[in-house]
N, C-alpha and C. Protein backbone atom coordinates (compact mmCIF):
# COMPACT_ATOMS: atom_id res chain seq x y z
N MET A 1 0.82 -1.21 0.00
CA MET A 1 0.00 0.00 0.00
C MET A 1 0.85 1.26 0.00
N ASN A 2 2.01 1.21 0.67
CA ASN A 2 2.85 2.39 0.76
C ASN A 2 3.48 2.79 -0.56
N ASN A 3 3.57 1.83 -1.50
CA ASN A 3 4.22 2.15 -2.77
C ASN A 3 3.23 2.54 -3.86
N LEU A 4 1.98 2.78 -3.52
CA LEU A 4 1.01 3.22 -4.52
C LEU A 4 1.32 4.65 -4.93
N PRO A 5 1.14 4.98 -6.22
CA PRO A 5 1.30 6.39 -6.62
C PRO A 5 0.20 7.23 -5.97
N ARG A 6 0.56 8.42 -5.54
CA ARG A 6 -0.40 9.27 -4.84
C ARG A 6 -0.27 10.72 -5.29
N TRP A 7 -1.36 11.45 -5.21
CA TRP A 7 -1.31 12.90 -5.36
C TRP A 7 -0.77 13.50 -4.07
N THR A 8 0.04 14.55 -4.20
CA THR A 8 0.43 15.32 -3.03
C THR A 8 -0.77 16.12 -2.55
N ARG A 9 -0.65 16.72 -1.41
CA ARG A 9 -1.75 17.53 -0.88
C ARG A 9 -2.06 18.71 -1.80
N ASP A 10 -1.02 19.31 -2.37
CA ASP A 10 -1.26 20.42 -3.29
C ASP A 10 -1.91 19.93 -4.58
N GLN A 11 -1.53 18.75 -5.04
CA GLN A 11 -2.18 18.18 -6.23
C GLN A 11 -3.63 17.84 -5.95
N MET A 12 -3.92 17.34 -4.76
CA MET A 12 -5.31 17.09 -4.37
C MET A 12 -6.12 18.39 -4.41
N ALA A 13 -5.54 19.45 -3.83
CA ALA A 13 -6.22 20.74 -3.80
C ALA A 13 -6.47 21.27 -5.21
N ALA A 14 -5.48 21.11 -6.08
CA ALA A 14 -5.64 21.56 -7.47
C ALA A 14 -6.72 20.76 -8.18
N ARG A 15 -6.82 19.47 -7.85
CA ARG A 15 -7.85 18.63 -8.49
C ARG A 15 -9.25 19.05 -8.05
N VAL A 16 -9.41 19.39 -6.77
CA VAL A 16 -10.71 19.91 -6.31
C VAL A 16 -11.02 21.23 -7.01
N ALA A 17 -10.02 22.10 -7.08
CA ALA A 17 -10.22 23.42 -7.67
C ALA A 17 -10.71 23.33 -9.12
N GLN A 18 -10.28 22.30 -9.84
CA GLN A 18 -10.74 22.12 -11.22
C GLN A 18 -12.25 22.02 -11.32
N ASP A 19 -12.88 21.45 -10.28
CA ASP A 19 -14.32 21.17 -10.32
C ASP A 19 -15.18 22.27 -9.72
N ILE A 20 -14.57 23.38 -9.35
CA ILE A 20 -15.33 24.50 -8.79
C ILE A 20 -15.60 25.50 -9.91
N ALA A 21 -16.85 25.67 -10.24
CA ALA A 21 -17.24 26.47 -11.39
C ALA A 21 -17.06 27.97 -11.14
N ASP A 22 -16.87 28.69 -12.22
CA ASP A 22 -16.76 30.14 -12.16
C ASP A 22 -18.02 30.73 -11.51
N GLY A 23 -17.82 31.68 -10.59
CA GLY A 23 -18.94 32.33 -9.94
C GLY A 23 -19.45 31.63 -8.69
N SER A 24 -18.84 30.51 -8.30
CA SER A 24 -19.31 29.76 -7.14
C SER A 24 -18.95 30.46 -5.83
N VAL A 25 -19.84 30.31 -4.85
CA VAL A 25 -19.58 30.74 -3.48
C VAL A 25 -19.25 29.47 -2.70
N VAL A 26 -18.05 29.43 -2.11
CA VAL A 26 -17.51 28.17 -1.58
C VAL A 26 -16.96 28.36 -0.17
N ASN A 27 -17.31 27.43 0.72
CA ASN A 27 -16.69 27.38 2.03
C ASN A 27 -15.61 26.31 2.03
N LEU A 28 -14.43 26.66 2.53
CA LEU A 28 -13.33 25.72 2.66
C LEU A 28 -13.17 25.36 4.13
N GLY A 29 -13.33 24.06 4.46
CA GLY A 29 -13.24 23.61 5.83
C GLY A 29 -11.83 23.64 6.37
N ILE A 30 -11.70 23.40 7.65
CA ILE A 30 -10.41 23.39 8.34
C ILE A 30 -9.57 22.21 7.85
N GLY A 31 -8.26 22.42 7.76
CA GLY A 31 -7.35 21.35 7.37
C GLY A 31 -7.04 21.38 5.89
N LEU A 32 -7.01 20.20 5.27
CA LEU A 32 -6.64 20.08 3.86
C LEU A 32 -7.41 21.03 2.93
N PRO A 33 -8.72 21.21 3.09
CA PRO A 33 -9.45 22.05 2.14
C PRO A 33 -8.94 23.48 2.03
N THR A 34 -8.28 24.00 3.06
CA THR A 34 -7.79 25.38 2.99
C THR A 34 -6.77 25.57 1.87
N LEU A 35 -6.10 24.48 1.45
CA LEU A 35 -5.09 24.58 0.38
C LEU A 35 -5.72 24.93 -0.96
N ILE A 36 -7.00 24.69 -1.11
CA ILE A 36 -7.67 24.93 -2.40
C ILE A 36 -7.57 26.40 -2.81
N ALA A 37 -7.56 27.29 -1.83
CA ALA A 37 -7.50 28.73 -2.13
C ALA A 37 -6.26 29.09 -2.93
N ASN A 38 -5.20 28.30 -2.79
CA ASN A 38 -3.94 28.58 -3.50
C ASN A 38 -3.90 28.01 -4.90
N HIS A 39 -4.94 27.27 -5.30
CA HIS A 39 -4.88 26.54 -6.56
C HIS A 39 -6.07 26.80 -7.49
N LEU A 40 -6.83 27.83 -7.21
CA LEU A 40 -7.95 28.15 -8.10
C LEU A 40 -7.40 28.64 -9.44
N PRO A 41 -7.94 28.13 -10.56
CA PRO A 41 -7.42 28.52 -11.88
C PRO A 41 -7.47 30.02 -12.11
N ALA A 42 -6.43 30.55 -12.73
CA ALA A 42 -6.36 31.98 -13.04
C ALA A 42 -7.54 32.38 -13.91
N GLY A 43 -8.13 33.51 -13.60
CA GLY A 43 -9.25 34.02 -14.39
C GLY A 43 -10.61 33.50 -13.96
N ARG A 44 -10.64 32.53 -13.04
CA ARG A 44 -11.91 31.99 -12.56
C ARG A 44 -12.28 32.70 -11.26
N GLU A 45 -13.45 33.31 -11.24
CA GLU A 45 -13.89 34.01 -10.03
C GLU A 45 -14.63 33.05 -9.11
N VAL A 46 -14.03 32.79 -7.96
CA VAL A 46 -14.64 31.95 -6.93
C VAL A 46 -14.64 32.76 -5.63
N ILE A 47 -15.80 32.88 -5.01
CA ILE A 47 -15.93 33.66 -3.79
C ILE A 47 -15.82 32.70 -2.60
N LEU A 48 -14.75 32.86 -1.82
CA LEU A 48 -14.49 31.97 -0.70
C LEU A 48 -15.02 32.54 0.61
N GLN A 49 -15.72 31.69 1.37
CA GLN A 49 -16.31 32.07 2.64
C GLN A 49 -15.71 31.24 3.76
N SER A 50 -15.53 31.83 4.93
CA SER A 50 -15.08 31.09 6.10
C SER A 50 -16.11 31.26 7.22
N GLU A 51 -16.37 30.19 7.96
CA GLU A 51 -17.48 30.20 8.90
C GLU A 51 -17.30 31.17 10.06
N ASN A 52 -16.07 31.61 10.33
CA ASN A 52 -15.88 32.57 11.41
C ASN A 52 -16.25 33.99 10.99
N GLY A 53 -16.67 34.17 9.72
CA GLY A 53 -17.20 35.46 9.29
C GLY A 53 -16.36 36.21 8.29
N ILE A 54 -15.97 35.53 7.22
CA ILE A 54 -15.23 36.18 6.13
C ILE A 54 -15.86 35.76 4.81
N ILE A 55 -15.97 36.69 3.89
CA ILE A 55 -16.30 36.34 2.51
C ILE A 55 -15.38 37.15 1.60
N GLY A 56 -14.90 36.49 0.56
CA GLY A 56 -13.95 37.13 -0.33
C GLY A 56 -12.50 36.87 0.06
N MET A 57 -12.23 35.67 0.62
CA MET A 57 -10.85 35.32 0.96
C MET A 57 -10.02 35.09 -0.29
N GLY A 58 -8.74 35.39 -0.16
CA GLY A 58 -7.80 35.11 -1.23
C GLY A 58 -6.88 33.97 -0.82
N PRO A 59 -5.77 33.80 -1.53
CA PRO A 59 -4.80 32.75 -1.18
C PRO A 59 -4.08 33.07 0.12
N ALA A 60 -3.29 32.13 0.60
CA ALA A 60 -2.52 32.35 1.82
C ALA A 60 -1.54 33.50 1.61
N PRO A 61 -1.27 34.29 2.65
CA PRO A 61 -0.32 35.41 2.50
C PRO A 61 1.11 34.91 2.33
N ALA A 62 1.92 35.72 1.69
CA ALA A 62 3.34 35.39 1.55
C ALA A 62 4.00 35.43 2.93
N PRO A 63 5.03 34.61 3.14
CA PRO A 63 5.74 34.64 4.43
C PRO A 63 6.19 36.06 4.79
N GLY A 64 5.91 36.45 6.02
CA GLY A 64 6.27 37.79 6.46
C GLY A 64 5.19 38.82 6.25
N HIS A 65 4.13 38.46 5.54
CA HIS A 65 3.04 39.40 5.27
C HIS A 65 1.73 38.96 5.93
N GLU A 66 1.82 38.09 6.93
CA GLU A 66 0.63 37.62 7.63
C GLU A 66 0.02 38.73 8.49
N ASP A 67 -1.30 38.78 8.51
CA ASP A 67 -2.03 39.67 9.42
C ASP A 67 -2.83 38.76 10.35
N PHE A 68 -2.40 38.63 11.59
CA PHE A 68 -3.03 37.67 12.50
C PHE A 68 -4.36 38.18 13.07
N ASP A 69 -4.79 39.35 12.63
CA ASP A 69 -6.16 39.78 12.90
C ASP A 69 -7.11 39.31 11.79
N LEU A 70 -6.56 38.74 10.74
CA LEU A 70 -7.37 38.23 9.64
C LEU A 70 -7.04 36.75 9.46
N THR A 71 -7.84 35.88 10.05
CA THR A 71 -7.60 34.45 10.01
C THR A 71 -8.87 33.71 9.61
N ASN A 72 -8.69 32.49 9.10
CA ASN A 72 -9.85 31.67 8.78
C ASN A 72 -10.30 30.90 10.02
N ALA A 73 -11.27 29.99 9.85
CA ALA A 73 -11.82 29.25 10.98
C ALA A 73 -10.80 28.34 11.65
N GLY A 74 -9.72 28.01 10.94
CA GLY A 74 -8.67 27.19 11.50
C GLY A 74 -7.54 28.00 12.11
N LYS A 75 -7.76 29.30 12.28
CA LYS A 75 -6.78 30.22 12.88
C LYS A 75 -5.55 30.43 11.99
N GLN A 76 -5.68 30.15 10.69
CA GLN A 76 -4.58 30.38 9.77
C GLN A 76 -4.71 31.77 9.15
N PRO A 77 -3.62 32.52 9.01
CA PRO A 77 -3.70 33.82 8.35
C PRO A 77 -4.16 33.68 6.90
N VAL A 78 -5.03 34.57 6.47
CA VAL A 78 -5.53 34.57 5.10
C VAL A 78 -5.41 35.98 4.53
N THR A 79 -5.69 36.11 3.25
CA THR A 79 -5.76 37.42 2.62
C THR A 79 -7.21 37.72 2.27
N LEU A 80 -7.47 38.97 2.02
CA LEU A 80 -8.82 39.41 1.65
C LEU A 80 -8.73 40.07 0.27
N LEU A 81 -9.54 39.59 -0.67
CA LEU A 81 -9.53 40.15 -2.01
C LEU A 81 -10.33 41.46 -2.05
N PRO A 82 -10.12 42.31 -3.06
CA PRO A 82 -10.92 43.54 -3.19
C PRO A 82 -12.40 43.20 -3.19
N GLY A 83 -13.17 43.92 -2.36
CA GLY A 83 -14.60 43.66 -2.24
C GLY A 83 -14.94 42.68 -1.15
N GLY A 84 -13.93 42.02 -0.57
CA GLY A 84 -14.17 41.07 0.51
C GLY A 84 -14.50 41.79 1.81
N SER A 85 -15.04 41.03 2.77
CA SER A 85 -15.41 41.64 4.05
C SER A 85 -15.40 40.59 5.15
N PHE A 86 -15.39 41.06 6.39
CA PHE A 86 -15.55 40.16 7.52
C PHE A 86 -16.66 40.69 8.41
N PHE A 87 -17.32 39.79 9.15
CA PHE A 87 -18.57 40.14 9.83
C PHE A 87 -18.82 39.15 10.97
N HIS A 88 -19.86 39.37 11.74
CA HIS A 88 -20.17 38.55 12.90
C HIS A 88 -20.44 37.10 12.47
N HIS A 89 -19.98 36.15 13.31
CA HIS A 89 -20.14 34.75 12.91
C HIS A 89 -21.60 34.32 12.88
N ALA A 90 -22.48 35.03 13.58
CA ALA A 90 -23.91 34.70 13.50
C ALA A 90 -24.44 34.95 12.09
N ASP A 91 -23.97 36.02 11.46
CA ASP A 91 -24.35 36.28 10.07
C ASP A 91 -23.76 35.22 9.14
N SER A 92 -22.54 34.77 9.47
CA SER A 92 -21.91 33.73 8.67
C SER A 92 -22.72 32.43 8.73
N PHE A 93 -23.17 32.06 9.94
CA PHE A 93 -23.95 30.84 10.07
C PHE A 93 -25.32 30.97 9.40
N ALA A 94 -25.88 32.17 9.40
CA ALA A 94 -27.14 32.38 8.67
C ALA A 94 -26.92 32.17 7.17
N MET A 95 -25.78 32.59 6.68
CA MET A 95 -25.42 32.36 5.28
C MET A 95 -25.28 30.87 5.00
N MET A 96 -24.61 30.15 5.90
CA MET A 96 -24.38 28.72 5.72
C MET A 96 -25.68 27.93 5.79
N ARG A 97 -26.52 28.26 6.76
CA ARG A 97 -27.77 27.52 6.95
C ARG A 97 -28.84 27.90 5.93
N GLY A 98 -28.68 29.07 5.34
CA GLY A 98 -29.73 29.59 4.46
C GLY A 98 -29.63 29.15 3.01
N GLY A 99 -28.69 28.25 2.70
CA GLY A 99 -28.58 27.76 1.33
C GLY A 99 -27.87 28.71 0.38
N HIS A 100 -27.01 29.58 0.93
CA HIS A 100 -26.34 30.58 0.09
C HIS A 100 -24.97 30.13 -0.41
N LEU A 101 -24.52 28.94 0.00
CA LEU A 101 -23.25 28.41 -0.46
C LEU A 101 -23.47 27.38 -1.57
N ASP A 102 -22.75 27.54 -2.66
CA ASP A 102 -22.85 26.56 -3.74
C ASP A 102 -22.16 25.26 -3.37
N ILE A 103 -21.00 25.37 -2.73
CA ILE A 103 -20.18 24.19 -2.40
C ILE A 103 -19.53 24.42 -1.05
N CYS A 104 -19.43 23.36 -0.25
CA CYS A 104 -18.49 23.38 0.87
C CYS A 104 -17.56 22.18 0.68
N VAL A 105 -16.32 22.35 1.09
CA VAL A 105 -15.32 21.29 1.01
C VAL A 105 -14.84 21.01 2.43
N LEU A 106 -15.10 19.80 2.91
CA LEU A 106 -14.79 19.45 4.29
C LEU A 106 -13.77 18.31 4.34
N GLY A 107 -13.06 18.20 5.43
CA GLY A 107 -12.27 17.02 5.71
C GLY A 107 -13.17 15.97 6.34
N ALA A 108 -12.65 14.75 6.51
CA ALA A 108 -13.49 13.69 7.08
C ALA A 108 -12.65 12.59 7.68
N PHE A 109 -13.23 11.91 8.68
CA PHE A 109 -12.67 10.66 9.20
C PHE A 109 -13.21 9.47 8.41
N GLN A 110 -14.50 9.55 8.02
CA GLN A 110 -15.14 8.50 7.24
C GLN A 110 -16.22 9.11 6.35
N VAL A 111 -16.39 8.49 5.18
CA VAL A 111 -17.53 8.79 4.30
C VAL A 111 -18.10 7.45 3.85
N SER A 112 -19.43 7.32 3.91
CA SER A 112 -20.04 6.06 3.49
C SER A 112 -20.33 6.07 2.00
N ALA A 113 -20.60 4.89 1.47
CA ALA A 113 -20.91 4.74 0.04
C ALA A 113 -22.12 5.57 -0.37
N HIS A 114 -23.00 5.86 0.59
CA HIS A 114 -24.22 6.60 0.28
C HIS A 114 -24.12 8.08 0.63
N GLY A 115 -22.92 8.52 1.03
CA GLY A 115 -22.69 9.94 1.26
C GLY A 115 -22.86 10.41 2.69
N ASP A 116 -22.97 9.47 3.65
CA ASP A 116 -22.98 9.87 5.05
C ASP A 116 -21.59 10.37 5.44
N LEU A 117 -21.55 11.34 6.35
CA LEU A 117 -20.29 11.99 6.72
C LEU A 117 -20.04 11.88 8.21
N ALA A 118 -18.82 11.50 8.57
CA ALA A 118 -18.36 11.53 9.97
C ALA A 118 -17.06 12.30 10.00
N ASN A 119 -17.07 13.49 10.59
CA ASN A 119 -15.84 14.29 10.57
C ASN A 119 -15.61 15.12 11.82
N TRP A 120 -16.36 14.86 12.91
CA TRP A 120 -16.17 15.71 14.09
C TRP A 120 -15.63 14.98 15.30
N HIS A 121 -15.67 13.63 15.30
CA HIS A 121 -15.23 12.90 16.49
C HIS A 121 -15.01 11.44 16.11
N THR A 122 -13.92 10.86 16.60
CA THR A 122 -13.66 9.45 16.34
C THR A 122 -14.28 8.54 17.39
N GLY A 123 -14.77 9.13 18.47
CA GLY A 123 -15.31 8.33 19.55
C GLY A 123 -14.25 7.75 20.47
N ALA A 124 -12.99 7.98 20.15
CA ALA A 124 -11.91 7.43 20.97
C ALA A 124 -11.85 8.13 22.32
N GLU A 125 -11.55 7.37 23.36
CA GLU A 125 -11.45 7.93 24.70
C GLU A 125 -10.34 8.97 24.75
N GLY A 126 -10.67 10.11 25.27
CA GLY A 126 -9.69 11.19 25.38
C GLY A 126 -9.62 12.09 24.16
N ALA A 127 -10.25 11.69 23.06
CA ALA A 127 -10.24 12.53 21.86
C ALA A 127 -11.10 13.77 22.09
N ILE A 128 -10.67 14.88 21.55
CA ILE A 128 -11.40 16.14 21.72
C ILE A 128 -12.32 16.33 20.53
N PRO A 129 -13.65 16.32 20.74
CA PRO A 129 -14.56 16.51 19.61
C PRO A 129 -14.48 17.94 19.08
N ALA A 130 -14.73 18.09 17.79
CA ALA A 130 -14.63 19.41 17.16
C ALA A 130 -15.77 19.58 16.16
N VAL A 131 -16.94 19.91 16.69
CA VAL A 131 -18.12 20.03 15.83
C VAL A 131 -17.98 21.22 14.88
N GLY A 132 -17.65 22.40 15.44
CA GLY A 132 -17.56 23.59 14.60
C GLY A 132 -18.84 23.82 13.83
N GLY A 133 -18.69 24.21 12.56
CA GLY A 133 -19.86 24.45 11.72
C GLY A 133 -20.11 23.34 10.72
N ALA A 134 -19.46 22.19 10.90
CA ALA A 134 -19.54 21.13 9.89
C ALA A 134 -20.96 20.66 9.64
N MET A 135 -21.75 20.51 10.70
CA MET A 135 -23.12 20.03 10.52
C MET A 135 -23.94 21.03 9.73
N ASP A 136 -23.76 22.31 10.02
CA ASP A 136 -24.48 23.35 9.29
C ASP A 136 -24.06 23.39 7.83
N LEU A 137 -22.76 23.26 7.59
CA LEU A 137 -22.24 23.29 6.23
C LEU A 137 -22.69 22.08 5.42
N ALA A 138 -22.62 20.90 6.05
CA ALA A 138 -22.89 19.66 5.33
C ALA A 138 -24.31 19.61 4.76
N ILE A 139 -25.26 20.20 5.47
CA ILE A 139 -26.64 20.17 4.97
C ILE A 139 -27.09 21.50 4.39
N GLY A 140 -26.30 22.57 4.65
CA GLY A 140 -26.71 23.88 4.16
C GLY A 140 -26.22 24.21 2.77
N ALA A 141 -25.05 23.67 2.41
CA ALA A 141 -24.50 23.95 1.07
C ALA A 141 -25.24 23.14 0.01
N ARG A 142 -25.28 23.67 -1.19
CA ARG A 142 -25.95 22.95 -2.28
C ARG A 142 -25.23 21.65 -2.62
N ARG A 143 -23.90 21.67 -2.54
CA ARG A 143 -23.11 20.45 -2.75
C ARG A 143 -22.03 20.37 -1.68
N THR A 144 -21.81 19.18 -1.15
CA THR A 144 -20.77 18.96 -0.15
C THR A 144 -19.72 18.01 -0.72
N PHE A 145 -18.49 18.50 -0.81
CA PHE A 145 -17.36 17.70 -1.23
C PHE A 145 -16.53 17.36 0.02
N VAL A 146 -15.83 16.25 -0.04
CA VAL A 146 -14.88 15.90 1.01
C VAL A 146 -13.50 15.74 0.41
N MET A 147 -12.50 16.28 1.09
CA MET A 147 -11.10 16.15 0.69
C MET A 147 -10.37 15.49 1.86
N MET A 148 -9.84 14.29 1.63
CA MET A 148 -9.21 13.54 2.72
C MET A 148 -8.22 12.54 2.14
N GLU A 149 -7.35 12.02 2.98
CA GLU A 149 -6.49 10.92 2.55
C GLU A 149 -7.33 9.65 2.45
N HIS A 150 -6.97 8.79 1.53
CA HIS A 150 -7.77 7.60 1.25
C HIS A 150 -7.76 6.61 2.40
N LEU A 151 -6.62 6.52 3.09
CA LEU A 151 -6.44 5.53 4.15
C LEU A 151 -6.06 6.21 5.46
N THR A 152 -6.40 5.55 6.56
CA THR A 152 -5.95 6.01 7.87
C THR A 152 -4.46 5.69 8.02
N LYS A 153 -3.87 6.15 9.10
CA LYS A 153 -2.46 5.84 9.37
C LYS A 153 -2.26 4.35 9.57
N ALA A 154 -3.34 3.64 9.96
CA ALA A 154 -3.26 2.19 10.15
C ALA A 154 -3.53 1.44 8.85
N GLY A 155 -3.74 2.18 7.75
CA GLY A 155 -3.97 1.53 6.45
C GLY A 155 -5.40 1.11 6.19
N GLU A 156 -6.35 1.63 6.97
CA GLU A 156 -7.76 1.28 6.78
C GLU A 156 -8.43 2.31 5.88
N SER A 157 -9.37 1.83 5.07
CA SER A 157 -10.09 2.70 4.15
C SER A 157 -10.98 3.69 4.91
N LYS A 158 -10.94 4.95 4.51
CA LYS A 158 -11.84 5.94 5.08
C LYS A 158 -13.19 5.96 4.35
N LEU A 159 -13.24 5.33 3.19
CA LEU A 159 -14.50 5.11 2.49
C LEU A 159 -15.06 3.79 2.99
N VAL A 160 -16.25 3.83 3.57
CA VAL A 160 -16.79 2.66 4.26
C VAL A 160 -18.25 2.42 3.85
N GLU A 161 -18.71 1.19 4.11
CA GLU A 161 -20.12 0.88 3.81
C GLU A 161 -21.04 1.65 4.76
N ARG A 162 -20.68 1.65 6.03
CA ARG A 162 -21.42 2.42 7.03
C ARG A 162 -20.42 3.08 7.97
N CYS A 163 -20.66 4.34 8.30
CA CYS A 163 -19.77 5.05 9.21
C CYS A 163 -19.87 4.45 10.61
N THR A 164 -18.73 4.24 11.23
CA THR A 164 -18.70 3.73 12.60
C THR A 164 -18.40 4.84 13.60
N TYR A 165 -18.04 6.01 13.12
CA TYR A 165 -17.82 7.16 13.99
C TYR A 165 -19.12 7.98 14.08
N PRO A 166 -19.24 8.85 15.11
CA PRO A 166 -20.44 9.68 15.22
C PRO A 166 -20.67 10.49 13.95
N LEU A 167 -21.91 10.54 13.50
CA LEU A 167 -22.23 11.16 12.21
C LEU A 167 -22.31 12.68 12.31
N THR A 168 -21.86 13.32 11.25
CA THR A 168 -22.03 14.74 11.05
C THR A 168 -23.32 15.02 10.28
N GLY A 169 -23.56 14.20 9.24
CA GLY A 169 -24.76 14.36 8.43
C GLY A 169 -25.03 13.11 7.62
N LEU A 170 -26.28 12.92 7.25
CA LEU A 170 -26.70 11.76 6.46
C LEU A 170 -26.85 12.14 4.99
N ALA A 171 -26.31 11.30 4.13
CA ALA A 171 -26.49 11.45 2.68
C ALA A 171 -26.24 12.88 2.21
N CYS A 172 -25.18 13.49 2.71
CA CYS A 172 -24.91 14.89 2.37
C CYS A 172 -23.73 15.05 1.40
N VAL A 173 -22.82 14.08 1.36
CA VAL A 173 -21.62 14.19 0.51
C VAL A 173 -21.93 13.67 -0.89
N SER A 174 -21.51 14.39 -1.90
CA SER A 174 -21.72 13.94 -3.28
C SER A 174 -20.42 13.52 -3.96
N ARG A 175 -19.29 14.08 -3.53
CA ARG A 175 -18.02 13.72 -4.19
C ARG A 175 -16.89 13.73 -3.15
N VAL A 176 -16.00 12.74 -3.28
CA VAL A 176 -14.86 12.60 -2.37
C VAL A 176 -13.56 12.68 -3.17
N TYR A 177 -12.64 13.51 -2.70
CA TYR A 177 -11.32 13.66 -3.31
C TYR A 177 -10.29 13.12 -2.33
N THR A 178 -9.56 12.10 -2.74
CA THR A 178 -8.51 11.55 -1.88
C THR A 178 -7.16 11.67 -2.58
N ASP A 179 -6.12 11.18 -1.92
CA ASP A 179 -4.80 11.20 -2.54
C ASP A 179 -4.63 10.12 -3.60
N LEU A 180 -5.68 9.29 -3.78
CA LEU A 180 -5.65 8.25 -4.80
C LEU A 180 -6.66 8.46 -5.92
N ALA A 181 -7.80 9.07 -5.61
CA ALA A 181 -8.88 9.09 -6.60
C ALA A 181 -9.93 10.14 -6.28
N VAL A 182 -10.79 10.37 -7.28
CA VAL A 182 -12.00 11.17 -7.11
C VAL A 182 -13.17 10.22 -7.29
N ILE A 183 -14.07 10.19 -6.31
CA ILE A 183 -15.14 9.20 -6.29
C ILE A 183 -16.46 9.87 -5.94
N ASP A 184 -17.47 9.63 -6.76
CA ASP A 184 -18.82 10.10 -6.44
C ASP A 184 -19.51 9.09 -5.54
N VAL A 185 -20.24 9.59 -4.55
CA VAL A 185 -21.01 8.73 -3.65
C VAL A 185 -22.45 9.22 -3.61
N GLY A 186 -23.36 8.31 -3.27
CA GLY A 186 -24.76 8.69 -3.23
C GLY A 186 -25.67 7.48 -3.19
N PRO A 187 -26.95 7.67 -3.52
CA PRO A 187 -27.93 6.59 -3.42
C PRO A 187 -27.56 5.33 -4.19
N ARG A 188 -26.83 5.49 -5.28
CA ARG A 188 -26.45 4.34 -6.10
C ARG A 188 -25.09 3.77 -5.72
N GLY A 189 -24.50 4.26 -4.65
CA GLY A 189 -23.20 3.77 -4.23
C GLY A 189 -22.06 4.64 -4.75
N ALA A 190 -20.89 4.05 -4.89
CA ALA A 190 -19.67 4.79 -5.23
C ALA A 190 -19.25 4.55 -6.68
N THR A 191 -18.91 5.63 -7.37
CA THR A 191 -18.50 5.57 -8.77
C THR A 191 -17.18 6.31 -8.95
N LEU A 192 -16.22 5.66 -9.56
CA LEU A 192 -14.92 6.28 -9.81
C LEU A 192 -15.04 7.34 -10.90
N VAL A 193 -14.50 8.51 -10.62
CA VAL A 193 -14.49 9.63 -11.56
C VAL A 193 -13.11 9.83 -12.16
N ASP A 194 -12.08 9.73 -11.33
CA ASP A 194 -10.71 10.00 -11.75
C ASP A 194 -9.77 9.33 -10.75
N MET A 195 -8.56 9.03 -11.17
CA MET A 195 -7.59 8.48 -10.23
C MET A 195 -6.18 8.86 -10.64
N VAL A 196 -5.26 8.66 -9.73
CA VAL A 196 -3.86 9.02 -9.94
C VAL A 196 -3.29 8.26 -11.14
N GLU A 197 -2.52 8.97 -11.94
CA GLU A 197 -1.85 8.31 -13.07
C GLU A 197 -0.90 7.23 -12.55
N GLY A 198 -0.96 6.07 -13.16
CA GLY A 198 -0.11 4.96 -12.75
C GLY A 198 -0.78 4.00 -11.79
N LEU A 199 -1.95 4.38 -11.26
CA LEU A 199 -2.71 3.51 -10.37
C LEU A 199 -3.72 2.72 -11.20
N THR A 200 -3.88 1.44 -10.93
CA THR A 200 -4.87 0.65 -11.65
C THR A 200 -6.16 0.58 -10.85
N PHE A 201 -7.24 0.27 -11.56
CA PHE A 201 -8.53 0.15 -10.89
C PHE A 201 -8.48 -0.95 -9.83
N ASP A 202 -7.85 -2.06 -10.14
CA ASP A 202 -7.77 -3.17 -9.19
C ASP A 202 -6.99 -2.77 -7.94
N GLN A 203 -5.92 -2.00 -8.11
CA GLN A 203 -5.16 -1.53 -6.95
C GLN A 203 -6.02 -0.61 -6.07
N LEU A 204 -6.77 0.26 -6.72
CA LEU A 204 -7.64 1.17 -5.98
C LEU A 204 -8.72 0.40 -5.23
N GLN A 205 -9.35 -0.54 -5.92
CA GLN A 205 -10.41 -1.33 -5.29
C GLN A 205 -9.87 -2.12 -4.10
N ALA A 206 -8.64 -2.59 -4.19
CA ALA A 206 -8.06 -3.40 -3.13
C ALA A 206 -7.89 -2.62 -1.83
N VAL A 207 -7.77 -1.31 -1.89
CA VAL A 207 -7.58 -0.51 -0.68
C VAL A 207 -8.83 0.29 -0.33
N THR A 208 -9.94 -0.01 -1.00
CA THR A 208 -11.20 0.70 -0.77
C THR A 208 -12.24 -0.28 -0.24
N ALA A 209 -12.86 0.05 0.88
CA ALA A 209 -13.73 -0.90 1.59
C ALA A 209 -15.16 -0.95 1.05
N ILE A 210 -15.41 -0.29 -0.09
CA ILE A 210 -16.73 -0.33 -0.71
C ILE A 210 -16.56 -0.65 -2.18
N PRO A 211 -17.55 -1.31 -2.80
CA PRO A 211 -17.45 -1.59 -4.25
C PRO A 211 -17.44 -0.30 -5.05
N LEU A 212 -16.58 -0.24 -6.04
CA LEU A 212 -16.49 0.92 -6.92
C LEU A 212 -17.00 0.56 -8.32
N ALA A 213 -17.87 1.41 -8.83
CA ALA A 213 -18.28 1.27 -10.23
C ALA A 213 -17.37 2.15 -11.07
N ARG A 214 -17.12 1.73 -12.29
CA ARG A 214 -16.32 2.54 -13.20
C ARG A 214 -17.20 3.63 -13.81
N GLY A 215 -16.67 4.85 -13.80
CA GLY A 215 -17.45 5.96 -14.33
C GLY A 215 -17.43 6.01 -15.83
């Protein structure tokens, strides 16, 4: 499993960015999804929102130019594009819950074949749960994408038939981007959309705990 070809985290982010249409309003979740801001195609207007109360985020600031009064929900310094603004988080949550986001991109511990999402708690003793705005985003956005590594550190598939961790939302995820592949999930199960060059379908299926249909 360790010798499989993989996308780097930046390549994963660039692959997600390819699928974000011009004019979209998008929330980028904490962790891996924040990298997407650095890889949006030139000339494509995408309005980035953060749940702590920012709209119109730009890419990460250059080293030495960070403004620590301007951070995203993960406490990372961000930039603000012309026309962008920041505001009370209650207004941000009203935006998230009100169906005003075209896409949200979240990290995850598990995603089921039917699009159930578990991303706030592993249930492990001593683990610190982190609900944040994930539940609001998962059901409030028109489309929910997940960006995560394909396998856990123990080599177990994060794509599962049924989530065993506490759920964030039911049947809310439509597409999953991992370091191995892009996979659609939903009522009909999982369908392969794209995968890393040099990886075979059989290799991918061998490390994925749910049946994959070829797209």
